[in-house]
Amino acid sequence: MCPLIIAHRGASGYLPEHTLEAKRLAHEMGADYLEQDVVASRDDELIVLHDIHLDRVTDVALRFPGRARDDGRYYVRDFDLAELRGLRAWERMDAEGSAVFPGRYPAQRGDFRLNTLTEEIQFIQNLNSATGREAGIYPEIKRPNWHRSEGVDIAPHLLSILAKFGYESREDPVYVQCFDAAELRRLRHDLGCRVKLVQLVGDTNYEEMLTPGGLKQLAETVDAIGPNILHFFDGASFDGPAQANKLAELAHDAGLAVHPYTFRADELPPGFATFEELVRTFIVDIGVDGLFTDFPDQARALVRY
């Protein structure tokens, strides 16, 4: 089976992340799954956005001056859906106001908007119906403990929306992902979630999770792991495929699929000269089952159906 092409926040190498335009383009480019990061508004609507903050990807500071918290950041949780709908979304910027990826869609240009999870799923299902090609969805629960401290529990809301659109079983074209292992256990064992679950793996405090015993324990709850691509190479830096470790092999031995992130043509990790070399190393030499990419067209060209 060919590895899955997972559009990371849509075709975000070309259009502002998590906009419907970026999702439509990713669908046209042949992505197997489209990712949705999920956060909550003040009126408990689930919004598709990577961060709990708005200021790096929208014009919120211009539209609502004075609404930042004490840390200077503008939080999705402090705005209701009607207010969020009025914001313009744009290419991600850093704290200084410069584009994180300068070669992409010009920052602060265009008339892109935020959308709810319900709207996005309906949009994707309409694309599937119109084109005859089914793309799945790949939502992530963002910062579940933080959201609970803010008075909202995202997980039940998410499961309710998924069920409304027919995503209820392991056979359905959906993965639910989270960095929080306790939240994934809660989804599976307390909330009765039957769709495929993915344990995301961050940069720190995940070492025990990636041991043979840790992976075997994960397999009691989740169906796949989603590590950063650097987790597949030992040490702080590496020099190509010769130094790849056995993480994928160990995960497969535990019965887990492997979906690493993030494959970017404009941000290659050390040791790789081209995007093609990077993708082929992970597919052929390491043997992953899917990959998150900002450039689904380029990945699709390298991963045949």
Protein backbone atom coordinates (compact mmCIF):
# COMPACT_ATOMS: atom_id res chain seq x y z
CA MET A 1 0.00 0.00 0.00
CA CYS A 2 1.32 3.46 -0.90
CA PRO A 3 2.04 5.83 2.00
CA LEU A 4 -0.68 8.36 2.73
CA ILE A 5 -0.24 11.97 1.70
CA ILE A 6 -1.55 14.10 4.57
CA ALA A 7 -1.96 17.77 3.69
CA HIS A 8 -0.46 19.62 6.65
CA ARG A 9 -2.97 22.42 7.34
CA GLY A 10 -3.93 22.09 3.66
CA ALA A 11 -1.67 23.00 0.76
CA SER A 12 0.01 25.43 3.13
CA GLY A 13 3.15 25.73 1.02
CA TYR A 14 1.04 27.71 -1.46
CA LEU A 15 -1.89 29.33 0.39
CA PRO A 16 -2.45 30.50 3.98
CA GLU A 17 -2.75 27.54 6.32
CA HIS A 18 -6.13 26.14 7.38
CA THR A 19 -8.12 28.28 4.95
CA LEU A 20 -10.73 26.55 2.82
CA GLU A 21 -8.78 27.67 -0.23
CA ALA A 22 -5.72 25.77 1.04
CA LYS A 23 -7.86 22.69 1.68
CA ARG A 24 -9.44 22.81 -1.76
CA LEU A 25 -6.04 23.08 -3.41
CA ALA A 26 -4.73 20.14 -1.37
CA HIS A 27 -7.74 18.10 -2.44
CA GLU A 28 -7.06 18.98 -6.09
CA MET A 29 -3.42 17.96 -5.62
CA GLY A 30 -4.43 14.46 -4.59
CA ALA A 31 -3.93 14.50 -0.84
CA ASP A 32 -5.36 11.43 0.87
CA TYR A 33 -6.14 13.28 4.10
CA LEU A 34 -6.61 16.95 4.98
CA GLU A 35 -5.57 18.09 8.47
CA GLN A 36 -7.69 20.21 10.84
CA ASP A 37 -6.25 21.65 14.06
CA VAL A 38 -9.12 22.36 16.44
CA VAL A 39 -9.45 25.12 19.04
CA ALA A 40 -12.49 26.62 20.78
CA SER A 41 -14.05 30.09 20.55
CA ARG A 42 -15.65 31.98 23.44
CA ASP A 43 -19.05 30.55 22.48
CA ASP A 44 -17.63 26.99 22.32
CA GLU A 45 -17.54 26.72 18.54
CA LEU A 46 -14.74 24.50 17.25
CA ILE A 47 -12.50 26.58 14.99
CA VAL A 48 -9.90 25.20 12.56
CA LEU A 49 -6.68 26.93 13.57
CA HIS A 50 -3.23 25.68 14.52
CA ASP A 51 -2.76 27.91 17.58
CA ILE A 52 -4.81 29.01 20.55
CA HIS A 53 -3.61 32.49 19.50
CA LEU A 54 -4.78 34.61 16.57
CA ASP A 55 -2.14 37.31 16.21
CA ARG A 56 0.40 35.48 14.03
CA VAL A 57 -2.08 34.42 11.34
CA THR A 58 -4.84 37.05 11.28
CA ASP A 59 -5.45 40.81 11.44
CA VAL A 60 -6.95 40.55 14.95
CA ALA A 61 -4.65 43.23 16.40
CA LEU A 62 -5.87 45.70 13.78
CA ARG A 63 -9.53 44.78 14.14
CA PHE A 64 -9.66 44.48 17.94
CA PRO A 65 -6.92 46.61 19.52
CA GLY A 66 -6.91 46.30 23.29
CA ARG A 67 -8.31 42.74 23.35
CA ALA A 68 -4.96 41.05 24.01
CA ARG A 69 -4.32 39.33 27.33
CA ASP A 70 -1.57 40.41 29.71
CA ASP A 71 1.01 38.44 27.71
CA GLY A 72 0.25 40.54 24.63
CA ARG A 73 -1.32 37.64 22.73
CA TYR A 74 -4.83 37.48 21.26
CA TYR A 75 -6.59 34.22 22.16
CA VAL A 76 -9.25 32.48 20.08
CA ARG A 77 -11.06 31.72 23.34
CA ASP A 78 -11.65 35.45 23.91
CA PHE A 79 -13.65 35.92 20.69
CA ASP A 80 -17.02 34.60 19.65
CA LEU A 81 -17.70 33.10 16.24
CA ALA A 82 -19.26 36.27 14.83
CA GLU A 83 -16.10 38.21 15.67
CA LEU A 84 -13.80 35.51 14.31
CA ARG A 85 -15.70 35.45 11.02
CA GLY A 86 -14.77 39.09 10.46
CA LEU A 87 -11.02 38.48 10.68
CA ARG A 88 -8.77 38.15 7.66
CA ALA A 89 -6.45 35.15 7.76
CA TRP A 90 -2.99 35.35 6.22
CA GLU A 91 0.39 33.69 5.92
CA ARG A 92 2.03 32.88 9.25
CA MET A 93 4.26 35.59 10.72
CA ASP A 94 6.81 35.50 13.52
CA ALA A 95 6.83 37.66 16.65
CA GLU A 96 8.56 40.48 14.75
CA GLY A 97 5.91 40.52 12.03
CA SER A 98 8.00 38.86 9.30
CA ALA A 99 6.79 35.92 7.24
CA VAL A 100 7.96 32.59 8.66
CA PHE A 101 8.28 31.28 5.09
CA PRO A 102 9.13 34.35 2.97
CA GLY A 103 8.80 32.54 -0.35
CA ARG A 104 5.17 31.57 0.16
CA TYR A 105 1.93 33.48 -0.40
CA PRO A 106 2.64 37.14 0.44
CA ALA A 107 1.89 37.90 4.07
CA GLN A 108 -1.12 40.13 4.80
CA ARG A 109 -2.46 39.71 1.26
CA GLY A 110 -5.77 38.30 0.06
CA ASP A 111 -9.19 37.90 1.64
CA PHE A 112 -8.94 34.53 3.41
CA ARG A 113 -11.16 33.70 6.38
CA LEU A 114 -11.33 31.38 9.37
CA ASN A 115 -13.83 28.55 9.38
CA THR A 116 -15.44 26.14 11.83
CA LEU A 117 -14.77 22.43 11.92
CA THR A 118 -18.36 21.77 10.86
CA GLU A 119 -18.00 24.06 7.85
CA GLU A 120 -14.73 22.49 6.83
CA ILE A 121 -15.95 18.91 7.03
CA GLN A 122 -19.03 19.82 4.98
CA PHE A 123 -16.75 21.55 2.46
CA ILE A 124 -14.51 18.49 2.15
CA GLN A 125 -17.44 16.11 1.81
CA ASN A 126 -18.86 18.33 -0.92
CA LEU A 127 -15.50 18.20 -2.73
CA ASN A 128 -15.50 14.44 -2.40
CA SER A 129 -18.99 14.24 -3.87
CA ALA A 130 -18.25 16.65 -6.71
CA THR A 131 -14.96 15.06 -7.76
CA GLY A 132 -15.63 11.40 -7.01
CA ARG A 133 -12.33 11.24 -5.10
CA GLU A 134 -12.55 10.80 -1.35
CA ALA A 135 -10.14 12.64 0.90
CA GLY A 136 -10.27 11.86 4.59
CA ILE A 137 -10.00 14.22 7.54
CA TYR A 138 -7.29 14.33 10.21
CA PRO A 139 -8.32 16.58 13.14
CA GLU A 140 -6.03 17.39 16.07
CA ILE A 141 -7.24 18.31 19.54
CA LYS A 142 -5.10 21.28 20.54
CA ARG A 143 -4.10 21.91 24.16
CA PRO A 144 -6.95 19.92 25.81
CA ASN A 145 -5.91 20.71 29.39
CA TRP A 146 -5.61 24.42 28.63
CA HIS A 147 -9.05 24.42 27.05
CA ARG A 148 -10.55 22.71 30.11
CA SER A 149 -8.95 25.38 32.29
CA GLU A 150 -10.81 27.87 30.07
CA GLY A 151 -14.12 26.10 30.67
CA VAL A 152 -14.52 24.00 27.52
CA ASP A 153 -13.91 20.30 26.85
CA ILE A 154 -13.07 19.93 23.17
CA ALA A 155 -13.10 16.13 22.90
CA PRO A 156 -16.87 15.48 23.31
CA HIS A 157 -17.63 18.36 20.94
CA LEU A 158 -15.28 16.89 18.37
CA LEU A 159 -16.72 13.38 18.62
CA SER A 160 -20.24 14.76 18.27
CA ILE A 161 -19.35 16.62 15.07
CA LEU A 162 -17.55 13.60 13.65
CA ALA A 163 -20.57 11.40 14.33
CA LYS A 164 -22.87 13.94 12.68
CA PHE A 165 -20.89 13.55 9.45
CA GLY A 166 -20.59 9.76 9.63
CA TYR A 167 -17.10 9.37 11.12
CA GLU A 168 -17.61 6.83 13.89
CA SER A 169 -15.62 3.66 13.22
CA ARG A 170 -12.08 2.55 12.53
CA GLU A 171 -13.03 1.94 8.90
CA ASP A 172 -14.06 5.55 8.32
CA PRO A 173 -11.59 7.93 6.59
CA VAL A 174 -10.59 9.83 9.72
CA TYR A 175 -7.71 9.97 12.17
CA VAL A 176 -7.86 11.95 15.43
CA GLN A 177 -4.50 13.12 16.73
CA CYS A 178 -3.18 14.73 19.89
CA PHE A 179 0.14 15.29 21.66
CA ASP A 180 -1.49 14.50 25.02
CA ALA A 181 -1.35 10.75 25.70
CA ALA A 182 -3.81 11.03 28.59
CA GLU A 183 -6.35 12.71 26.31
CA LEU A 184 -6.01 9.92 23.75
CA ARG A 185 -6.56 7.30 26.46
CA ARG A 186 -9.61 9.25 27.60
CA LEU A 187 -10.97 9.36 24.05
CA ARG A 188 -10.57 5.63 23.57
CA HIS A 189 -11.35 4.18 26.97
CA ASP A 190 -13.66 6.72 28.61
CA LEU A 191 -15.47 8.43 25.74
CA GLY A 192 -15.77 5.31 23.58
CA CYS A 193 -14.08 6.76 20.51
CA ARG A 194 -13.76 4.06 17.84
CA VAL A 195 -12.05 6.01 15.05
CA LYS A 196 -8.32 5.71 14.43
CA LEU A 197 -6.19 7.61 16.97
CA VAL A 198 -2.69 9.01 16.54
CA GLN A 199 -0.17 9.83 19.25
CA LEU A 200 1.78 12.87 18.16
CA VAL A 201 5.37 12.99 19.38
CA GLY A 202 6.95 16.32 20.27
CA ASP A 203 10.50 17.37 20.93
CA THR A 204 10.76 16.79 24.69
CA ASN A 205 9.58 14.30 27.32
CA TYR A 206 8.63 11.61 24.80
CA GLU A 207 11.74 9.41 25.10
CA GLU A 208 10.10 6.61 27.11
CA MET A 209 7.13 6.57 24.75
CA LEU A 210 9.40 5.64 21.82
CA THR A 211 11.02 2.62 23.48
CA PRO A 212 9.80 -0.88 22.53
CA GLY A 213 7.86 -1.08 25.78
CA GLY A 214 6.45 2.41 25.39
CA LEU A 215 5.30 1.73 21.84
CA LYS A 216 3.67 -1.53 22.87
CA GLN A 217 1.79 0.32 25.59
CA LEU A 218 0.70 2.99 23.11
CA ALA A 219 -0.70 0.30 20.83
CA GLU A 220 -3.26 -0.53 23.53
CA THR A 221 -4.86 2.85 22.80
CA VAL A 222 -3.77 4.31 19.46
CA ASP A 223 -3.39 3.13 15.89
CA ALA A 224 -0.42 5.24 14.79
CA ILE A 225 2.31 7.59 15.93
CA GLY A 226 3.15 10.97 14.43
CA PRO A 227 6.76 11.87 15.29
CA ASN A 228 8.78 14.81 14.07
CA ILE A 229 11.04 13.72 11.20
CA LEU A 230 14.09 14.38 13.39
CA HIS A 231 13.02 11.54 15.71
CA PHE A 232 14.12 9.08 13.02
CA PHE A 233 17.76 10.11 13.34
CA ASP A 234 19.91 9.85 16.43
CA GLY A 235 21.62 12.96 17.77
CA ALA A 236 20.92 16.64 17.34
CA SER A 237 21.92 16.57 13.67
CA PHE A 238 22.36 13.95 11.01
CA ASP A 239 23.78 13.44 7.57
CA GLY A 240 21.21 11.58 5.52
CA PRO A 241 19.71 8.09 5.60
CA ALA A 242 22.82 6.21 6.76
CA GLN A 243 22.19 7.31 10.35
CA ALA A 244 18.46 6.55 10.45
CA ASN A 245 17.43 4.69 13.60
CA LYS A 246 14.91 1.87 14.02
CA LEU A 247 11.94 3.88 15.27
CA ALA A 248 9.68 2.96 12.33
CA GLU A 249 10.62 -0.71 12.63
CA LEU A 250 9.90 -0.72 16.37
CA ALA A 251 6.55 1.00 15.85
CA HIS A 252 5.56 -1.49 13.17
CA ASP A 253 6.57 -4.37 15.45
CA ALA A 254 4.14 -2.93 18.02
CA GLY A 255 1.36 -2.80 15.40
CA LEU A 256 1.45 0.97 14.93
CA ALA A 257 1.41 2.92 11.67
CA VAL A 258 3.94 5.75 11.32
CA HIS A 259 2.97 9.23 10.02
CA PRO A 260 5.88 11.69 10.54
CA TYR A 261 5.73 15.48 10.20
CA THR A 262 6.51 17.91 8.52
CA PHE A 263 7.85 17.51 4.96
CA ARG A 264 8.56 20.97 3.56
CA ALA A 265 10.26 21.65 0.24
CA ASP A 266 11.36 25.05 1.55
CA GLU A 267 12.67 23.83 4.91
CA LEU A 268 14.79 20.71 4.44
CA PRO A 269 16.37 19.11 7.52
CA PRO A 270 20.17 18.82 7.72
CA GLY A 271 21.67 16.17 5.47
CA PHE A 272 19.12 16.38 2.66
CA ALA A 273 19.79 18.31 -0.54
CA THR A 274 16.35 17.98 -2.14
CA PHE A 275 12.74 17.36 -1.21
CA GLU A 276 12.78 14.25 -3.38
CA GLU A 277 15.71 12.81 -1.43
CA LEU A 278 13.92 13.51 1.85
CA VAL A 279 10.63 11.91 0.81
CA ARG A 280 12.22 8.89 -0.83
CA THR A 281 14.40 8.26 2.21
CA PHE A 282 11.36 8.09 4.47
CA ILE A 283 9.31 6.00 2.05
CA VAL A 284 11.93 3.58 0.71
CA ASP A 285 14.59 3.35 3.40
CA ILE A 286 12.66 4.06 6.59
CA GLY A 287 9.30 2.70 5.45
CA VAL A 288 6.74 5.14 6.85
CA ASP A 289 3.02 4.69 6.24
CA GLY A 290 2.14 8.32 5.63
CA LEU A 291 3.63 11.78 5.78
CA PHE A 292 2.46 15.27 6.68
CA THR A 293 3.48 17.76 4.04
CA ASP A 294 2.94 21.42 3.16
CA PHE A 295 3.46 20.46 -0.49
CA PRO A 296 1.01 17.64 -1.29
CA ASP A 297 1.51 17.97 -5.04
CA GLN A 298 5.24 17.36 -4.83
CA ALA A 299 4.79 14.50 -2.39
CA ARG A 300 2.00 13.02 -4.56
CA ALA A 301 4.36 13.03 -7.56
CA LEU A 302 6.84 10.95 -5.56
CA VAL A 303 4.27 8.61 -4.01
CA ARG A 304 2.20 6.91 -6.69
CA TYR A 305 -1.24 5.52 -6.13
